[in-house]
Every structure is written in structure tokens, then in C-alpha cells.
Amino acid sequence: MHSFIIQLKNRLKTKKLKGLALDIDDTLAQSGDAWIEGIQKAFGNPENLTVEEVKTKYRYSYNAPYWNSPAIRQWEESIRYNEDWHRVLPLIKNANHIVEKIHRLVPIVAYLTARPKQLLTATRDWLDKHGFPPAEIIYRPAAVRLPNNLAWKAKILEYLYPQVIGMVDDHPQLAKDLSKTYPGTLYLYDYHDQAPRGDINIIPCKNWQEVLESLVPL
């Protein structure tokens, strides 16, 4: 386990603080929309779909078969580490206001993101700009490659329990990567189907209001 994550757990234990972790991209920030718009502008829109239609059909841009080329992967890499791009990402409507309400009920103790360390300053600036609660940002270590980022998140969540009692995240793969013994709660944001599995605590939430209403208090 990375040393800064061990240190975070120890700090939370020392302060006797428990609470939630939040994902950032496509959970707080409209990253996916900006990503799709960028690809459409640079590489075309073969099906003439709106951003919402792309998300409905494919959920993520990389699931669209015609957006799977070396040129697009190269463009994505250039954006993935671009601080300026991340500083101006649009906010998911009302996410900050509802997170403020959640924070009063269950503290936000960490942001758990697949973003690399290089984006820490830009990420903090964005969170501060939109008034999100101050908390540690757990970034993806360089040794963790993106195809494995959700499995990595699952391990972090399990390690940090019970100081981190659960998480709000948009990606259903995270639910699949958690072990069957995980005792925390995953709030699966922007998810309109039944939970991907029933042996652990997964609460599908269509929007932030449903996250608030589904909240399991400490």
C-alpha cells in the first residue's frame, strides 16, 4: 500500500474521524461530456449523436467502436495530463450544494480519483472553486495503469474501511471489483439499473438528490 494512503488512514484513526470518499470525474465534474465534445470536434461524429445520446448508447466514449484508434488514444493522453483542461471542467449541476448537505450528515474525508499526481494542484483548485469540503485527494500512483484503476480503487476502499465507510462513484466496474467481504457502502452515481451485484452494499442513484436521500448515516 502506498505510504500516503497509510498515512491518511492513520490520521483519520487518530482524529477518530469516519466518513465518505468521493470520485471526481463524472461524479462531481462533467468530465465525460467535455471528453466526448472534444473527440467529436477533433475526430468527427459518425452517428450525429448529441453528447447525451452518446452517453445513453455507450456510457463512455471509449465504448464507441469508431472512436477507437491510435490517434484518439494519443489525443486522450494529451488531455489526461492537461492541467488547464481540468481546471475549467464544468460542474455537475448542484453536486456541490448536495455534497455540502451530505457533509453535514456524513463527513467527506477523501476524494479518491484515477487522476495522476501531476493534476493535484489543478484538482484542488477546481474543488475549492466550487466549494467542495476540504479533504485529502487520493491520486493514482504512476505504477497503476488506467485499465487497473478501478481494481486499485477497490483495494484502497477496503484498506481504508472503517475510516472510509463508503464511496460515491459513477463506474459500475468498481462495484464488480470490490470483494464479497467489503462491509462499506458504494453509492453508484448516475446509474439507472439494478445494482450490478447483491452480495455487498451497493445503492444505485440516478442523481445527487438520490444519493442524499439514500445516505446511510453513521
Protein backbone atom coordinates (compact mmCIF):
# COMPACT_ATOMS: atom_id res chain seq x y z
CA MET A 1 0.00 0.00 0.00
CA HIS A 2 1.33 3.47 -0.93
CA SER A 3 2.73 5.37 2.04
CA PHE A 4 0.48 8.43 1.66
CA ILE A 5 -2.61 6.20 1.87
CA ILE A 6 -1.29 4.52 5.02
CA GLN A 7 -0.64 7.96 6.49
CA LEU A 8 -4.18 9.08 5.63
CA LYS A 9 -5.69 6.08 7.40
CA ASN A 10 -3.56 6.76 10.47
CA ARG A 11 -4.55 10.44 10.53
CA LEU A 12 -8.23 9.58 10.31
CA LYS A 13 -7.86 7.00 13.08
CA THR A 14 -6.01 9.47 15.29
CA LYS A 15 -8.75 12.07 14.78
CA LYS A 16 -11.42 9.38 15.28
CA LEU A 17 -12.92 10.58 12.01
CA LYS A 18 -15.07 8.43 9.73
CA GLY A 19 -16.84 9.39 6.53
CA LEU A 20 -17.21 9.05 2.78
CA ALA A 21 -14.89 9.20 -0.20
CA LEU A 22 -15.98 10.86 -3.45
CA ASP A 23 -14.94 10.22 -7.01
CA ILE A 24 -14.41 13.38 -9.11
CA ASP A 25 -14.67 12.73 -12.85
CA ASP A 26 -18.26 12.09 -13.99
CA THR A 27 -19.33 12.25 -10.35
CA LEU A 28 -18.59 15.87 -9.45
CA ALA A 29 -17.18 17.17 -12.75
CA GLN A 30 -18.78 16.77 -16.18
CA SER A 31 -15.57 15.26 -17.48
CA GLY A 32 -17.20 12.73 -19.79
CA ASP A 33 -19.26 15.40 -21.55
CA ALA A 34 -16.17 17.54 -22.16
CA TRP A 35 -14.28 14.44 -23.32
CA ILE A 36 -17.00 13.50 -25.84
CA GLU A 37 -17.28 17.06 -27.11
CA GLY A 38 -13.51 17.19 -27.62
CA ILE A 39 -13.46 13.93 -29.56
CA GLN A 40 -16.41 14.97 -31.72
CA LYS A 41 -14.73 18.25 -32.55
CA ALA A 42 -11.35 16.69 -33.36
CA PHE A 43 -12.38 13.38 -34.94
CA GLY A 44 -15.97 13.71 -36.10
CA ASN A 45 -19.36 12.39 -35.06
CA PRO A 46 -20.22 9.44 -37.36
CA GLU A 47 -23.67 8.82 -35.88
CA ASN A 48 -24.51 12.51 -35.41
CA LEU A 49 -25.32 11.86 -31.75
CA THR A 50 -25.62 14.50 -29.08
CA VAL A 51 -23.44 14.13 -26.00
CA GLU A 52 -26.40 12.76 -24.04
CA GLU A 53 -27.17 10.28 -26.81
CA VAL A 54 -23.57 9.07 -26.81
CA LYS A 55 -23.75 8.55 -23.05
CA THR A 56 -27.08 6.73 -23.30
CA LYS A 57 -25.84 4.41 -26.03
CA TYR A 58 -22.24 3.84 -24.94
CA ARG A 59 -22.00 5.40 -21.42
CA TYR A 60 -18.30 6.18 -22.03
CA SER A 61 -16.68 7.46 -25.23
CA TYR A 62 -14.22 4.56 -25.41
CA ASN A 63 -17.13 2.14 -25.91
CA ALA A 64 -17.98 3.74 -29.27
CA PRO A 65 -16.29 1.49 -31.86
CA TYR A 66 -15.46 4.30 -34.28
CA TRP A 67 -13.61 6.23 -31.54
CA ASN A 68 -11.06 3.50 -31.03
CA SER A 69 -7.91 4.47 -32.90
CA PRO A 70 -4.27 5.27 -32.06
CA ALA A 71 -4.88 8.94 -32.95
CA ILE A 72 -7.73 9.22 -30.46
CA ARG A 73 -5.77 7.39 -27.76
CA GLN A 74 -2.92 9.88 -28.32
CA TRP A 75 -5.34 12.82 -28.04
CA GLU A 76 -6.73 11.35 -24.82
CA GLU A 77 -3.25 11.06 -23.33
CA SER A 78 -2.59 14.72 -24.08
CA ILE A 79 -5.82 15.72 -22.31
CA ARG A 80 -5.42 13.31 -19.40
CA TYR A 81 -2.42 15.25 -18.06
CA ASN A 82 -3.53 18.75 -19.11
CA GLU A 83 -3.94 20.98 -16.03
CA ASP A 84 -5.67 23.79 -17.90
CA TRP A 85 -8.31 21.38 -19.28
CA HIS A 86 -9.05 20.03 -15.81
CA ARG A 87 -9.26 23.48 -14.22
CA VAL A 88 -12.20 24.52 -16.40
CA LEU A 89 -14.27 21.33 -16.38
CA PRO A 90 -17.96 22.08 -15.87
CA LEU A 91 -19.60 21.17 -12.59
CA ILE A 92 -22.35 18.57 -12.47
CA LYS A 93 -25.37 20.70 -11.59
CA ASN A 94 -25.95 21.08 -7.84
CA ALA A 95 -23.29 18.47 -6.97
CA ASN A 96 -21.51 20.97 -4.74
CA HIS A 97 -24.67 22.05 -2.90
CA ILE A 98 -25.84 18.50 -2.25
CA VAL A 99 -22.37 17.37 -1.20
CA GLU A 100 -22.42 20.22 1.31
CA LYS A 101 -25.63 18.77 2.78
CA ILE A 102 -24.15 15.26 2.79
CA HIS A 103 -21.02 16.55 4.54
CA ARG A 104 -23.16 17.77 7.45
CA LEU A 105 -24.57 14.25 7.89
CA VAL A 106 -21.55 12.12 6.99
CA PRO A 107 -18.18 13.88 6.63
CA ILE A 108 -16.38 13.83 3.30
CA VAL A 109 -12.93 12.58 4.34
CA ALA A 110 -11.29 11.88 0.97
CA TYR A 111 -11.51 12.26 -2.79
CA LEU A 112 -10.47 9.02 -4.49
CA THR A 113 -9.60 9.62 -8.14
CA ALA A 114 -7.82 7.95 -11.04
CA ARG A 115 -6.16 11.27 -11.81
CA PRO A 116 -2.35 11.24 -11.52
CA LYS A 117 -0.28 13.21 -9.03
CA GLN A 118 0.56 15.79 -11.72
CA LEU A 119 -3.03 17.06 -11.54
CA LEU A 120 -3.19 17.52 -7.76
CA THR A 121 -2.91 21.32 -7.82
CA ALA A 122 -5.44 21.73 -10.63
CA THR A 123 -7.80 19.31 -8.87
CA ARG A 124 -7.55 21.14 -5.54
CA ASP A 125 -8.15 24.45 -7.28
CA TRP A 126 -11.26 23.08 -9.02
CA LEU A 127 -12.68 21.62 -5.79
CA ASP A 128 -12.01 24.86 -3.92
CA LYS A 129 -13.54 26.98 -6.68
CA HIS A 130 -16.80 25.07 -6.43
CA GLY A 131 -16.88 24.99 -2.63
CA PHE A 132 -16.42 21.28 -2.02
CA PRO A 133 -15.38 20.23 1.51
CA PRO A 134 -11.61 20.20 2.06
CA ALA A 135 -10.28 16.64 2.26
CA GLU A 136 -7.31 14.55 1.18
CA ILE A 137 -7.08 13.74 -2.54
CA ILE A 138 -6.03 10.15 -3.13
CA TYR A 139 -4.45 10.14 -6.58
CA ARG A 140 -3.48 7.23 -8.83
CA PRO A 141 0.18 6.23 -8.38
CA ALA A 142 2.24 6.04 -11.57
CA ALA A 143 2.62 2.28 -11.14
CA VAL A 144 -1.14 1.80 -11.52
CA ARG A 145 -2.08 1.75 -15.19
CA LEU A 146 -5.51 3.01 -16.20
CA PRO A 147 -7.02 -0.36 -17.14
CA ASN A 148 -6.46 -1.32 -13.49
CA ASN A 149 -7.58 1.92 -11.85
CA LEU A 150 -10.94 0.59 -10.63
CA ALA A 151 -9.42 -2.55 -9.14
CA TRP A 152 -6.93 -0.21 -7.44
CA LYS A 153 -9.79 1.94 -6.10
CA ALA A 154 -11.49 -1.16 -4.72
CA LYS A 155 -8.34 -2.14 -2.81
CA ILE A 156 -8.00 1.37 -1.40
CA LEU A 157 -11.61 1.40 -0.22
CA GLU A 158 -11.22 -1.94 1.50
CA TYR A 159 -7.97 -0.87 3.16
CA LEU A 160 -9.40 2.44 4.41
CA TYR A 161 -12.50 0.90 5.97
CA PRO A 162 -13.82 1.70 8.60
CA GLN A 163 -12.34 5.21 8.47
CA VAL A 164 -13.84 5.49 4.99
CA ILE A 165 -17.24 3.83 5.29
CA GLY A 166 -18.15 4.09 1.62
CA MET A 167 -17.87 6.00 -1.62
CA VAL A 168 -19.85 7.78 -4.32
CA ASP A 169 -18.59 6.75 -7.78
CA ASP A 170 -20.10 6.55 -11.24
CA HIS A 171 -18.36 3.45 -12.60
CA PRO A 172 -20.15 0.07 -12.29
CA GLN A 173 -16.86 -1.78 -12.68
CA LEU A 174 -15.87 -0.58 -9.23
CA ALA A 175 -18.84 -2.49 -7.81
CA LYS A 176 -17.60 -5.61 -9.56
CA ASP A 177 -14.03 -5.19 -8.33
CA LEU A 178 -14.93 -4.96 -4.64
CA SER A 179 -14.52 -8.19 -2.71
CA LYS A 180 -17.54 -10.08 -1.38
CA THR A 181 -16.41 -9.26 2.15
CA TYR A 182 -16.41 -5.47 1.66
CA PRO A 183 -18.55 -4.09 4.52
CA GLY A 184 -18.86 -0.49 3.29
CA THR A 185 -21.44 1.10 1.01
CA LEU A 186 -20.96 2.05 -2.64
CA TYR A 187 -23.33 4.73 -3.91
CA LEU A 188 -23.34 4.12 -7.66
CA TYR A 189 -23.96 7.56 -9.12
CA ASP A 190 -25.79 8.16 -12.43
CA TYR A 191 -26.79 4.50 -12.56
CA HIS A 192 -30.29 3.66 -13.75
CA ASP A 193 -30.37 -0.12 -13.43
CA GLN A 194 -30.39 -2.59 -10.59
CA ALA A 195 -27.18 -2.96 -8.61
CA PRO A 196 -24.56 -4.99 -10.54
CA ARG A 197 -24.42 -7.46 -7.64
CA GLY A 198 -26.38 -8.19 -4.50
CA ASP A 199 -23.86 -9.63 -2.05
CA ILE A 200 -22.46 -6.28 -0.86
CA ASN A 201 -23.96 -2.87 -0.13
CA ILE A 202 -24.46 -1.12 -3.47
CA ILE A 203 -27.06 1.62 -3.81
CA PRO A 204 -27.76 2.78 -7.40
CA CYS A 205 -28.55 6.51 -7.52
CA LYS A 206 -29.77 8.31 -10.63
CA ASN A 207 -28.63 11.72 -9.37
CA TRP A 208 -27.17 13.51 -6.38
CA GLN A 209 -30.56 14.01 -4.77
CA GLU A 210 -30.96 10.23 -4.65
CA VAL A 211 -27.50 9.93 -3.08
CA LEU A 212 -28.61 12.32 -0.34
CA GLU A 213 -31.90 10.51 0.19
CA SER A 214 -30.20 7.09 0.24
CA LEU A 215 -27.47 8.12 2.65
CA VAL A 216 -26.74 5.65 5.43
CA PRO A 217 -25.82 7.84 8.42
CA LEU A 218 -23.01 6.98 10.82
